PDB file of N, CA and C in Angstrom:
ATOM      1  N   MET A   1      -1.931   6.920  22.172  1.00  0.00           N
ATOM      2  CA  MET A   1      -2.278   7.855  21.091  1.00  0.00           C
ATOM      3  C   MET A   1      -2.863   7.110  19.888  1.00  0.00           C
ATOM      4  N   ASN A   2      -3.795   7.680  19.225  1.00  0.00           N
ATOM      5  CA  ASN A   2      -4.407   7.075  18.058  1.00  0.00           C
ATOM      6  C   ASN A   2      -3.840   7.686  16.801  1.00  0.00           C
ATOM      7  N   TYR A   3      -3.100   6.865  16.036  1.00  0.00           N
ATOM      8  CA  TYR A   3      -2.525   7.337  14.807  1.00  0.00           C
ATOM      9  C   TYR A   3      -3.245   6.757  13.595  1.00  0.00           C
ATOM     10  N   CYS A   4      -4.424   6.173  13.775  1.00  0.00           N
ATOM     11  CA  CYS A   4      -5.164   5.550  12.694  1.00  0.00           C
ATOM     12  C   CYS A   4      -5.818   6.587  11.799  1.00  0.00           C
ATOM     13  N   ALA A   5      -6.061   6.172  10.572  1.00  0.00           N
ATOM     14  CA  ALA A   5      -6.715   7.018   9.613  1.00  0.00           C
ATOM     15  C   ALA A   5      -8.165   7.250  10.010  1.00  0.00           C
ATOM     16  N   SER A   6      -8.712   8.378   9.620  1.00  0.00           N
ATOM     17  CA  SER A   6     -10.139   8.618   9.872  1.00  0.00           C
ATOM     18  C   SER A   6     -10.749   9.244   8.636  1.00  0.00           C
ATOM     19  N   LEU A   7     -12.035   9.123   8.512  1.00  0.00           N
ATOM     20  CA  LEU A   7     -12.718   9.681   7.335  1.00  0.00           C
ATOM     21  C   LEU A   7     -12.768  11.214   7.325  1.00  0.00           C
ATOM     22  N   ASP A   8     -12.522  11.820   8.472  1.00  0.00           N
ATOM     23  CA  ASP A   8     -12.589  13.269   8.538  1.00  0.00           C
ATOM     24  C   ASP A   8     -11.244  13.953   8.288  1.00  0.00           C
ATOM     25  N   SER A   9     -10.281  13.203   7.798  1.00  0.00           N
ATOM     26  CA  SER A   9      -8.942  13.729   7.555  1.00  0.00           C
ATOM     27  C   SER A   9      -8.491  13.493   6.141  1.00  0.00           C
ATOM     28  N   ASP A  10      -7.668  14.392   5.612  1.00  0.00           N
ATOM     29  CA  ASP A  10      -7.058  14.204   4.315  1.00  0.00           C
ATOM     30  C   ASP A  10      -5.804  13.338   4.396  1.00  0.00           C
ATOM     31  N   TYR A  11      -5.380  13.026   5.599  1.00  0.00           N
ATOM     32  CA  TYR A  11      -4.118  12.279   5.781  1.00  0.00           C
ATOM     33  C   TYR A  11      -4.392  10.867   6.232  1.00  0.00           C
ATOM     34  N   LEU A  12      -3.548   9.948   5.814  1.00  0.00           N
ATOM     35  CA  LEU A  12      -3.680   8.559   6.252  1.00  0.00           C
ATOM     36  C   LEU A  12      -3.291   8.467   7.733  1.00  0.00           C
ATOM     37  N   PHE A  13      -2.213   9.085   8.096  1.00  0.00           N
ATOM     38  CA  PHE A  13      -1.766   9.129   9.512  1.00  0.00           C
ATOM     39  C   PHE A  13      -1.591  10.585   9.883  1.00  0.00           C
ATOM     40  N   LYS A  14      -2.208  10.988  10.966  1.00  0.00           N
ATOM     41  CA  LYS A  14      -2.029  12.358  11.427  1.00  0.00           C
ATOM     42  C   LYS A  14      -1.733  12.355  12.943  1.00  0.00           C
ATOM     43  N   SER A  15      -0.995  13.347  13.346  1.00  0.00           N
ATOM     44  CA  SER A  15      -0.655  13.509  14.743  1.00  0.00           C
ATOM     45  C   SER A  15      -1.890  13.947  15.520  1.00  0.00           C
ATOM     46  N   PRO A  16      -2.245  13.263  16.613  1.00  0.00           N
ATOM     47  CA  PRO A  16      -3.368  13.708  17.403  1.00  0.00           C
ATOM     48  C   PRO A  16      -3.092  15.037  18.102  1.00  0.00           C
ATOM     49  N   GLU A  17      -1.819  15.389  18.278  1.00  0.00           N
ATOM     50  CA  GLU A  17      -1.479  16.653  18.916  1.00  0.00           C
ATOM     51  C   GLU A  17      -1.593  17.838  17.987  1.00  0.00           C
ATOM     52  N   THR A  18      -1.108  17.674  16.751  1.00  0.00           N
ATOM     53  CA  THR A  18      -1.036  18.800  15.833  1.00  0.00           C
ATOM     54  C   THR A  18      -2.060  18.751  14.703  1.00  0.00           C
ATOM     55  N   GLY A  19      -2.570  17.556  14.381  1.00  0.00           N
ATOM     56  CA  GLY A  19      -3.454  17.360  13.288  1.00  0.00           C
ATOM     57  C   GLY A  19      -2.727  17.375  11.943  1.00  0.00           C
ATOM     58  N   ARG A  20      -1.414  17.509  11.974  1.00  0.00           N
ATOM     59  CA  ARG A  20      -0.606  17.486  10.760  1.00  0.00           C
ATOM     60  C   ARG A  20      -0.236  16.068  10.392  1.00  0.00           C
ATOM     61  N   PRO A  21       0.127  15.847   9.117  1.00  0.00           N
ATOM     62  CA  PRO A  21       0.446  14.504   8.687  1.00  0.00           C
ATOM     63  C   PRO A  21       1.724  13.998   9.320  1.00  0.00           C
ATOM     64  N   ILE A  22       1.745  12.705   9.639  1.00  0.00           N
ATOM     65  CA  ILE A  22       2.974  12.058  10.102  1.00  0.00           C
ATOM     66  C   ILE A  22       3.681  11.536   8.865  1.00  0.00           C
ATOM     67  N   THR A  23       4.859  12.014   8.644  1.00  0.00           N
ATOM     68  CA  THR A  23       5.601  11.655   7.426  1.00  0.00           C
ATOM     69  C   THR A  23       6.705  10.651   7.646  1.00  0.00           C
ATOM     70  N   GLU A  24       7.099  10.433   8.888  1.00  0.00           N
ATOM     71  CA  GLU A  24       8.167   9.490   9.213  1.00  0.00           C
ATOM     72  C   GLU A  24       7.584   8.305   9.948  1.00  0.00           C
ATOM     73  N   LEU A  25       7.441   7.171   9.250  1.00  0.00           N
ATOM     74  CA  LEU A  25       6.833   5.968   9.861  1.00  0.00           C
ATOM     75  C   LEU A  25       7.864   4.886  10.109  1.00  0.00           C
ATOM     76  N   LYS A  26       9.067   5.091   9.640  1.00  0.00           N
ATOM     77  CA  LYS A  26      10.074   4.023   9.699  1.00  0.00           C
ATOM     78  C   LYS A  26      10.350   3.490  11.100  1.00  0.00           C
ATOM     79  N   LYS A  27      10.560   4.385  12.063  1.00  0.00           N
ATOM     80  CA  LYS A  27      10.906   3.932  13.406  1.00  0.00           C
ATOM     81  C   LYS A  27       9.752   3.133  14.025  1.00  0.00           C
ATOM     82  N   GLY A  28       8.540   3.602  13.882  1.00  0.00           N
ATOM     83  CA  GLY A  28       7.391   2.895  14.394  1.00  0.00           C
ATOM     84  C   GLY A  28       7.199   1.539  13.738  1.00  0.00           C
ATOM     85  N   PHE A  29       7.415   1.466  12.417  1.00  0.00           N
ATOM     86  CA  PHE A  29       7.255   0.231  11.706  1.00  0.00           C
ATOM     87  C   PHE A  29       8.329  -0.781  12.145  1.00  0.00           C
ATOM     88  N   VAL A  30       9.558  -0.332  12.253  1.00  0.00           N
ATOM     89  CA  VAL A  30      10.638  -1.204  12.704  1.00  0.00           C
ATOM     90  C   VAL A  30      10.349  -1.731  14.094  1.00  0.00           C
ATOM     91  N   LYS A  31       9.875  -0.871  14.993  1.00  0.00           N
ATOM     92  CA  LYS A  31       9.560  -1.291  16.353  1.00  0.00           C
ATOM     93  C   LYS A  31       8.408  -2.281  16.378  1.00  0.00           C
ATOM     94  N   ALA A  32       7.382  -2.038  15.570  1.00  0.00           N
ATOM     95  CA  ALA A  32       6.207  -2.964  15.497  1.00  0.00           C
ATOM     96  C   ALA A  32       6.653  -4.335  15.029  1.00  0.00           C
ATOM     97  N   CYS A  33       7.497  -4.371  14.012  1.00  0.00           N
ATOM     98  CA  CYS A  33       8.022  -5.671  13.505  1.00  0.00           C
ATOM     99  C   CYS A  33       8.851  -6.361  14.575  1.00  0.00           C
ATOM    100  N   GLU A  34       9.641  -5.625  15.292  1.00  0.00           N
ATOM    101  CA  GLU A  34      10.466  -6.162  16.361  1.00  0.00           C
ATOM    102  C   GLU A  34       9.561  -6.782  17.454  1.00  0.00           C
ATOM    103  N   ILE A  35       8.547  -6.075  17.872  1.00  0.00           N
ATOM    104  CA  ILE A  35       7.643  -6.540  18.912  1.00  0.00           C
ATOM    105  C   ILE A  35       6.877  -7.785  18.454  1.00  0.00           C
ATOM    106  N   ALA A  36       6.527  -7.826  17.159  1.00  0.00           N
ATOM    107  CA  ALA A  36       5.769  -8.950  16.598  1.00  0.00           C
ATOM    108  C   ALA A  36       6.665 -10.127  16.230  1.00  0.00           C
ATOM    109  N   GLY A  37       7.980  -9.944  16.295  1.00  0.00           N
ATOM    110  CA  GLY A  37       8.882 -10.996  15.946  1.00  0.00           C
ATOM    111  C   GLY A  37       9.004 -11.241  14.453  1.00  0.00           C
ATOM    112  N   ILE A  38       8.691 -10.217  13.672  1.00  0.00           N
ATOM    113  CA  ILE A  38       8.752 -10.328  12.207  1.00  0.00           C
ATOM    114  C   ILE A  38      10.139  -9.932  11.743  1.00  0.00           C
ATOM    115  N   GLU A  39      10.764 -10.795  10.970  1.00  0.00           N
ATOM    116  CA  GLU A  39      12.101 -10.535  10.435  1.00  0.00           C
ATOM    117  C   GLU A  39      12.108 -10.447   8.913  1.00  0.00           C
ATOM    118  N   ASP A  40      13.068  -9.759   8.381  1.00  0.00           N
ATOM    119  CA  ASP A  40      13.229  -9.624   6.916  1.00  0.00           C
ATOM    120  C   ASP A  40      11.984  -9.108   6.227  1.00  0.00           C
ATOM    121  N   PHE A  41      11.359  -8.090   6.819  1.00  0.00           N
ATOM    122  CA  PHE A  41      10.180  -7.472   6.226  1.00  0.00           C
ATOM    123  C   PHE A  41      10.368  -5.965   6.315  1.00  0.00           C
ATOM    124  N   TRP A  42      10.198  -5.272   5.247  1.00  0.00           N
ATOM    125  CA  TRP A  42      10.498  -3.840   5.162  1.00  0.00           C
ATOM    126  C   TRP A  42       9.202  -3.079   4.825  1.00  0.00           C
ATOM    127  N   PHE A  43       9.179  -1.833   5.251  1.00  0.00           N
ATOM    128  CA  PHE A  43       8.031  -0.959   4.998  1.00  0.00           C
ATOM    129  C   PHE A  43       7.712  -0.939   3.497  1.00  0.00           C
ATOM    130  N   HIS A  44       8.755  -0.950   2.687  1.00  0.00           N
ATOM    131  CA  HIS A  44       8.590  -0.878   1.218  1.00  0.00           C
ATOM    132  C   HIS A  44       7.832  -2.115   0.708  1.00  0.00           C
ATOM    133  N   ASP A  45       7.938  -3.234   1.400  1.00  0.00           N
ATOM    134  CA  ASP A  45       7.182  -4.450   1.037  1.00  0.00           C
ATOM    135  C   ASP A  45       5.692  -4.196   1.033  1.00  0.00           C
ATOM    136  N   LEU A  46       5.229  -3.297   1.922  1.00  0.00           N
ATOM    137  CA  LEU A  46       3.819  -2.990   1.984  1.00  0.00           C
ATOM    138  C   LEU A  46       3.327  -2.285   0.728  1.00  0.00           C
ATOM    139  N   ARG A  47       4.213  -1.510   0.113  1.00  0.00           N
ATOM    140  CA  ARG A  47       3.870  -0.826  -1.152  1.00  0.00           C
ATOM    141  C   ARG A  47       3.637  -1.856  -2.254  1.00  0.00           C
ATOM    142  N   HIS A  48       4.495  -2.832  -2.357  1.00  0.00           N
ATOM    143  CA  HIS A  48       4.327  -3.896  -3.340  1.00  0.00           C
ATOM    144  C   HIS A  48       3.002  -4.633  -3.115  1.00  0.00           C
ATOM    145  N   ARG A  49       2.767  -4.956  -1.854  1.00  0.00           N
ATOM    146  CA  ARG A  49       1.555  -5.732  -1.535  1.00  0.00           C
ATOM    147  C   ARG A  49       0.291  -4.937  -1.836  1.00  0.00           C
ATOM    148  N   ALA A  50       0.272  -3.676  -1.432  1.00  0.00           N
ATOM    149  CA  ALA A  50      -0.919  -2.864  -1.668  1.00  0.00           C
ATOM    150  C   ALA A  50      -1.187  -2.703  -3.154  1.00  0.00           C
ATOM    151  N   SER A  51      -0.154  -2.447  -3.946  1.00  0.00           N
ATOM    152  CA  SER A  51      -0.310  -2.293  -5.385  1.00  0.00           C
ATOM    153  C   SER A  51      -0.804  -3.598  -6.012  1.00  0.00           C
ATOM    154  N   THR A  52      -0.239  -4.712  -5.618  1.00  0.00           N
ATOM    155  CA  THR A  52      -0.661  -5.989  -6.154  1.00  0.00           C
ATOM    156  C   THR A  52      -2.103  -6.299  -5.781  1.00  0.00           C
ATOM    157  N   ARG A  53      -2.491  -6.014  -4.538  1.00  0.00           N
ATOM    158  CA  ARG A  53      -3.846  -6.274  -4.092  1.00  0.00           C
ATOM    159  C   ARG A  53      -4.844  -5.422  -4.859  1.00  0.00           C
ATOM    160  N   MET A  54      -4.529  -4.128  -5.068  1.00  0.00           N
ATOM    161  CA  MET A  54      -5.413  -3.256  -5.838  1.00  0.00           C
ATOM    162  C   MET A  54      -5.560  -3.752  -7.277  1.00  0.00           C
ATOM    163  N   GLY A  55      -4.422  -4.180  -7.890  1.00  0.00           N
ATOM    164  CA  GLY A  55      -4.485  -4.717  -9.230  1.00  0.00           C
ATOM    165  C   GLY A  55      -5.349  -5.996  -9.285  1.00  0.00           C
ATOM    166  N   GLY A  56      -5.198  -6.850  -8.267  1.00  0.00           N
ATOM    167  CA  GLY A  56      -5.976  -8.070  -8.210  1.00  0.00           C
ATOM    168  C   GLY A  56      -7.472  -7.796  -8.009  1.00  0.00           C
ATOM    169  N   ALA A  57      -7.760  -6.649  -7.429  1.00  0.00           N
ATOM    170  CA  ALA A  57      -9.172  -6.269  -7.207  1.00  0.00           C
ATOM    171  C   ALA A  57      -9.782  -5.572  -8.417  1.00  0.00           C
ATOM    172  N   GLY A  58      -8.987  -5.449  -9.477  1.00  0.00           N
ATOM    173  CA  GLY A  58      -9.500  -4.869 -10.716  1.00  0.00           C
ATOM    174  C   GLY A  58      -9.341  -3.381 -10.831  1.00  0.00           C
ATOM    175  N   ILE A  59      -8.560  -2.785  -9.926  1.00  0.00           N
ATOM    176  CA  ILE A  59      -8.316  -1.343 -10.038  1.00  0.00           C
ATOM    177  C   ILE A  59      -7.355  -1.108 -11.213  1.00  0.00           C
ATOM    178  N   ASP A  60      -7.691  -0.127 -12.079  1.00  0.00           N
ATOM    179  CA  ASP A  60      -6.882   0.070 -13.237  1.00  0.00           C
ATOM    180  C   ASP A  60      -5.493   0.669 -12.878  1.00  0.00           C
ATOM    181  N   PRO A  61      -4.479   0.405 -13.687  1.00  0.00           N
ATOM    182  CA  PRO A  61      -3.107   0.861 -13.379  1.00  0.00           C
ATOM    183  C   PRO A  61      -2.976   2.372 -13.204  1.00  0.00           C
ATOM    184  N   PHE A  62      -3.764   3.167 -13.917  1.00  0.00           N
ATOM    185  CA  PHE A  62      -3.669   4.603 -13.781  1.00  0.00           C
ATOM    186  C   PHE A  62      -4.133   5.051 -12.410  1.00  0.00           C
ATOM    187  N   THR A  63      -5.197   4.431 -11.888  1.00  0.00           N
ATOM    188  CA  THR A  63      -5.701   4.759 -10.574  1.00  0.00           C
ATOM    189  C   THR A  63      -4.707   4.326  -9.489  1.00  0.00           C
ATOM    190  N   ILE A  64      -4.175   3.110  -9.666  1.00  0.00           N
ATOM    191  CA  ILE A  64      -3.160   2.617  -8.726  1.00  0.00           C
ATOM    192  C   ILE A  64      -1.966   3.571  -8.659  1.00  0.00           C
ATOM    193  N   ALA A  65      -1.491   3.996  -9.863  1.00  0.00           N
ATOM    194  CA  ALA A  65      -0.353   4.914  -9.912  1.00  0.00           C
ATOM    195  C   ALA A  65      -0.687   6.223  -9.183  1.00  0.00           C
ATOM    196  N   ALA A  66      -1.893   6.725  -9.351  1.00  0.00           N
ATOM    197  CA  ALA A  66      -2.287   7.974  -8.689  1.00  0.00           C
ATOM    198  C   ALA A  66      -2.332   7.788  -7.179  1.00  0.00           C
ATOM    199  N   ILE A  67      -2.913   6.698  -6.718  1.00  0.00           N
ATOM    200  CA  ILE A  67      -2.969   6.410  -5.278  1.00  0.00           C
ATOM    201  C   ILE A  67      -1.581   6.244  -4.689  1.00  0.00           C
ATOM    202  N   MET A  68      -0.712   5.547  -5.394  1.00  0.00           N
ATOM    203  CA  MET A  68       0.619   5.278  -4.881  1.00  0.00           C
ATOM    204  C   MET A  68       1.570   6.480  -5.059  1.00  0.00           C
ATOM    205  N   GLY A  69       1.110   7.493  -5.769  1.00  0.00           N
ATOM    206  CA  GLY A  69       1.953   8.663  -5.936  1.00  0.00           C
ATOM    207  C   GLY A  69       3.006   8.516  -7.012  1.00  0.00           C
ATOM    208  N   ASP A  70       2.814   7.549  -7.914  1.00  0.00           N
ATOM    209  CA  ASP A  70       3.796   7.330  -8.986  1.00  0.00           C
ATOM    210  C   ASP A  70       3.579   8.382 -10.076  1.00  0.00           C
ATOM    211  N   SER A  71       4.663   8.983 -10.520  1.00  0.00           N
ATOM    212  CA  SER A  71       4.519  10.017 -11.537  1.00  0.00           C
ATOM    213  C   SER A  71       4.366   9.441 -12.954  1.00  0.00           C
ATOM    214  N   TYR A  72       4.725   8.199 -13.111  1.00  0.00           N
ATOM    215  CA  TYR A  72       4.479   7.659 -14.441  1.00  0.00           C
ATOM    216  C   TYR A  72       4.189   6.172 -14.388  1.00  0.00           C
ATOM    217  N   ILE A  73       3.309   5.756 -15.325  1.00  0.00           N
ATOM    218  CA  ILE A  73       2.679   4.460 -15.240  1.00  0.00           C
ATOM    219  C   ILE A  73       3.667   3.263 -15.337  1.00  0.00           C
ATOM    220  N   LYS A  74       4.777   3.461 -16.015  1.00  0.00           N
ATOM    221  CA  LYS A  74       5.741   2.353 -16.144  1.00  0.00           C
ATOM    222  C   LYS A  74       6.250   1.923 -14.757  1.00  0.00           C
ATOM    223  N   MET A  75       6.279   2.838 -13.807  1.00  0.00           N
ATOM    224  CA  MET A  75       6.712   2.506 -12.462  1.00  0.00           C
ATOM    225  C   MET A  75       5.808   1.407 -11.827  1.00  0.00           C
ATOM    226  N   LYS A  76       4.573   1.374 -12.229  1.00  0.00           N
ATOM    227  CA  LYS A  76       3.613   0.379 -11.682  1.00  0.00           C
ATOM    228  C   LYS A  76       4.066  -1.034 -11.956  1.00  0.00           C
ATOM    229  N   ALA A  77       4.727  -1.267 -13.066  1.00  0.00           N
ATOM    230  CA  ALA A  77       5.162  -2.604 -13.413  1.00  0.00           C
ATOM    231  C   ALA A  77       6.129  -3.170 -12.379  1.00  0.00           C
ATOM    232  N   SER A  78       6.893  -2.321 -11.710  1.00  0.00           N
ATOM    233  CA  SER A  78       7.833  -2.813 -10.711  1.00  0.00           C
ATOM    234  C   SER A  78       7.169  -3.075  -9.383  1.00  0.00           C
ATOM    235  N   TYR A  79       5.970  -2.574  -9.169  1.00  0.00           N
ATOM    236  CA  TYR A  79       5.291  -2.742  -7.883  1.00  0.00           C
ATOM    237  C   TYR A  79       4.085  -3.709  -7.939  1.00  0.00           C
ATOM    238  N   THR A  80       3.457  -3.823  -9.093  1.00  0.00           N
ATOM    239  CA  THR A  80       2.272  -4.632  -9.208  1.00  0.00           C
ATOM    240  C   THR A  80       2.623  -5.971  -9.866  1.00  0.00           C
ATOM    241  N   HIS A  81       2.249  -7.047  -9.224  1.00  0.00           N
ATOM    242  CA  HIS A  81       2.574  -8.366  -9.726  1.00  0.00           C
ATOM    243  C   HIS A  81       1.289  -9.158  -9.989  1.00  0.00           C
ATOM    244  N   ALA A  82       1.260  -9.820 -11.128  1.00  0.00           N
ATOM    245  CA  ALA A  82       0.077 -10.617 -11.483  1.00  0.00           C
ATOM    246  C   ALA A  82      -0.026 -11.789 -10.520  1.00  0.00           C
ATOM    247  N   THR A  83      -1.233 -12.076 -10.101  1.00  0.00           N
ATOM    248  CA  THR A  83      -1.469 -13.228  -9.221  1.00  0.00           C
ATOM    249  C   THR A  83      -1.930 -14.407 -10.085  1.00  0.00           C
ATOM    250  N   ILE A  84      -1.836 -15.590  -9.571  1.00  0.00           N
ATOM    251  CA  ILE A  84      -2.320 -16.769 -10.308  1.00  0.00           C
ATOM    252  C   ILE A  84      -3.814 -16.646 -10.560  1.00  0.00           C
ATOM    253  N   ALA A  85      -4.539 -16.217  -9.559  1.00  0.00           N
ATOM    254  CA  ALA A  85      -6.017 -16.062  -9.720  1.00  0.00           C
ATOM    255  C   ALA A  85      -6.325 -15.027 -10.757  1.00  0.00           C
ATOM    256  N   GLY A  86      -5.590 -13.933 -10.771  1.00  0.00           N
ATOM    257  CA  GLY A  86      -5.829 -12.864 -11.754  1.00  0.00           C
ATOM    258  C   GLY A  86      -5.547 -13.324 -13.166  1.00  0.00           C
ATOM    259  N   LYS A  87      -4.464 -14.084 -13.337  1.00  0.00           N
ATOM    260  CA  LYS A  87      -4.148 -14.603 -14.680  1.00  0.00           C
ATOM    261  C   LYS A  87      -5.209 -15.604 -15.125  1.00  0.00           C
ATOM    262  N   ARG A  88      -5.669 -16.424 -14.200  1.00  0.00           N
ATOM    263  CA  ARG A  88      -6.747 -17.378 -14.544  1.00  0.00           C
ATOM    264  C   ARG A  88      -7.991 -16.649 -14.975  1.00  0.00           C
ATOM    265  N   GLN A  89      -8.361 -15.592 -14.263  1.00  0.00           N
ATOM    266  CA  GLN A  89      -9.555 -14.797 -14.612  1.00  0.00           C
ATOM    267  C   GLN A  89      -9.415 -14.188 -16.015  1.00  0.00           C
ATOM    268  N   ALA A  90      -8.208 -13.695 -16.292  1.00  0.00           N
ATOM    269  CA  ALA A  90      -7.980 -13.062 -17.602  1.00  0.00           C
ATOM    270  C   ALA A  90      -8.120 -14.050 -18.749  1.00  0.00           C
ATOM    271  N   ILE A  91      -7.580 -15.260 -18.513  1.00  0.00           N
ATOM    272  CA  ILE A  91      -7.603 -16.268 -19.583  1.00  0.00           C
ATOM    273  C   ILE A  91      -8.983 -16.880 -19.773  1.00  0.00           C
ATOM    274  N   LEU A  92      -9.598 -17.233 -18.652  1.00  0.00           N
ATOM    275  CA  LEU A  92     -10.875 -17.972 -18.672  1.00  0.00           C
ATOM    276  C   LEU A  92     -12.100 -17.072 -18.641  1.00  0.00           C
ATOM    277  N   GLY A  93     -11.894 -15.819 -18.378  1.00  0.00           N
ATOM    278  CA  GLY A  93     -13.022 -14.868 -18.321  1.00  0.00           C
ATOM    279  C   GLY A  93     -13.864 -15.081 -17.080  1.00  0.00           C
ATOM    280  N   GLU A  94     -13.275 -15.674 -16.035  1.00  0.00           N
ATOM    281  CA  GLU A  94     -13.991 -15.883 -14.763  1.00  0.00           C
ATOM    282  C   GLU A  94     -14.035 -14.554 -14.013  1.00  0.00           C
ATOM    283  N   HIS A  95     -15.187 -14.227 -13.506  1.00  0.00           N
ATOM    284  CA  HIS A  95     -15.281 -13.004 -12.690  1.00  0.00           C
ATOM    285  C   HIS A  95     -16.026 -13.247 -11.440  1.00  0.00           C
TER     286      HIS A  95
END
């Protein structure tokens, strides 16, 4: 079955049988980590990584908060972490 996102859907993951969104990813994620031999990695870690990568790509915090579904901007501080390269760019004006 194909659970990948497509451009013709409003959902990131949708059921090929029903077309409805898949809202429970935990079991599949745990199984994928088990098969890949990945330990001490949680689905929530992906949220931190995605937020940090968007911030590093120059996406403004308000847009990141909207994408991540955060109701208020202060929450972004707990998910988005400054990278060394990003801090260097800010200080030196490198782009």
